[in-house]
Amino acid sequence: MVAGMVSMTELRRRLTDPRIRRRLDSDPDMAESIETLATMAALKPIEGEYLLAWV
């Protein structure tokens, strides 16, 4: 497994890109997480920008 980090701005861009979204929706492992990721991406920070990190 690879660790990483992405800004919420980039996550929003990727989730709204039709080509990327089709790939995510077609992957059974990712399809379960799409709704959660979309909810997270909709959050508006009070200050600065939120980052999504995984390990």
C-alpha atoms as a PDB file:
ATOM      1  CA  MET A   1       0.000   0.000   0.000  1.00  0.00           C
ATOM      2  CA  VAL A   2       1.183   3.510  -0.817  1.00  0.00           C
ATOM      3  CA  ALA A   3       0.813   6.508   1.489  1.00  0.00           C
ATOM      4  CA  GLY A   4      -0.203   9.837   0.039  1.00  0.00           C
ATOM      5  CA  MET A   5      -1.951  13.160   0.371  1.00  0.00           C
ATOM      6  CA  VAL A   6      -4.224  15.231  -1.872  1.00  0.00           C
ATOM      7  CA  SER A   7      -5.862  18.621  -1.376  1.00  0.00           C
ATOM      8  CA  MET A   8      -9.651  18.819  -1.304  1.00  0.00           C
ATOM      9  CA  THR A   9      -9.499  21.068  -4.379  1.00  0.00           C
ATOM     10  CA  GLU A  10      -7.712  18.312  -6.282  1.00  0.00           C
ATOM     11  CA  LEU A  11     -10.086  15.657  -4.912  1.00  0.00           C
ATOM     12  CA  ARG A  12     -13.083  17.709  -6.114  1.00  0.00           C
ATOM     13  CA  ARG A  13     -11.492  18.087  -9.549  1.00  0.00           C
ATOM     14  CA  ARG A  14     -10.853  14.357  -9.821  1.00  0.00           C
ATOM     15  CA  LEU A  15     -14.342  13.394  -8.653  1.00  0.00           C
ATOM     16  CA  THR A  16     -15.927  15.664 -11.255  1.00  0.00           C
ATOM     17  CA  ASP A  17     -13.684  14.535 -14.129  1.00  0.00           C
ATOM     18  CA  PRO A  18     -15.926  12.151 -16.140  1.00  0.00           C
ATOM     19  CA  ARG A  19     -13.048   9.906 -17.228  1.00  0.00           C
ATOM     20  CA  ILE A  20     -11.703   9.481 -13.689  1.00  0.00           C
ATOM     21  CA  ARG A  21     -15.195   9.077 -12.248  1.00  0.00           C
ATOM     22  CA  ARG A  22     -16.014   6.237 -14.679  1.00  0.00           C
ATOM     23  CA  ARG A  23     -12.857   4.408 -13.606  1.00  0.00           C
ATOM     24  CA  LEU A  24     -13.673   4.889  -9.924  1.00  0.00           C
ATOM     25  CA  ASP A  25     -17.286   3.779 -10.372  1.00  0.00           C
ATOM     26  CA  SER A  26     -16.200   0.647 -12.252  1.00  0.00           C
ATOM     27  CA  ASP A  27     -13.792  -0.433  -9.488  1.00  0.00           C
ATOM     28  CA  PRO A  28     -15.783  -2.385  -6.849  1.00  0.00           C
ATOM     29  CA  ASP A  29     -13.240  -1.530  -4.135  1.00  0.00           C
ATOM     30  CA  MET A  30     -13.497   2.208  -4.852  1.00  0.00           C
ATOM     31  CA  ALA A  31     -17.207   2.329  -5.641  1.00  0.00           C
ATOM     32  CA  GLU A  32     -18.011   1.890  -1.939  1.00  0.00           C
ATOM     33  CA  SER A  33     -15.886   4.919  -1.017  1.00  0.00           C
ATOM     34  CA  ILE A  34     -17.086   7.375  -3.675  1.00  0.00           C
ATOM     35  CA  GLU A  35     -20.006   8.728  -1.628  1.00  0.00           C
ATOM     36  CA  THR A  36     -17.772   9.313   1.410  1.00  0.00           C
ATOM     37  CA  LEU A  37     -15.094  10.999  -0.713  1.00  0.00           C
ATOM     38  CA  ALA A  38     -17.697  13.238  -2.373  1.00  0.00           C
ATOM     39  CA  THR A  39     -19.047  14.268   1.052  1.00  0.00           C
ATOM     40  CA  MET A  40     -15.537  15.041   2.285  1.00  0.00           C
ATOM     41  CA  ALA A  41     -14.749  17.033  -0.869  1.00  0.00           C
ATOM     42  CA  ALA A  42     -17.834  19.194  -0.294  1.00  0.00           C
ATOM     43  CA  LEU A  43     -16.521  20.457   3.060  1.00  0.00           C
ATOM     44  CA  LYS A  44     -15.528  24.107   3.037  1.00  0.00           C
ATOM     45  CA  PRO A  45     -12.573  24.971   5.290  1.00  0.00           C
ATOM     46  CA  ILE A  46     -12.778  27.916   7.662  1.00  0.00           C
ATOM     47  CA  GLU A  47      -9.180  28.792   6.926  1.00  0.00           C
ATOM     48  CA  GLY A  48      -6.618  27.355   4.513  1.00  0.00           C
ATOM     49  CA  GLU A  49      -7.408  24.097   2.770  1.00  0.00           C
ATOM     50  CA  TYR A  50      -8.189  20.591   3.989  1.00  0.00           C
ATOM     51  CA  LEU A  51      -5.953  17.732   2.915  1.00  0.00           C
ATOM     52  CA  LEU A  52      -6.901  14.085   2.583  1.00  0.00           C
ATOM     53  CA  ALA A  53      -4.071  11.778   3.671  1.00  0.00           C
ATOM     54  CA  TRP A  54      -3.896   7.993   3.675  1.00  0.00           C
ATOM     55  CA  VAL A  55      -1.377   5.399   4.812  1.00  0.00           C
END
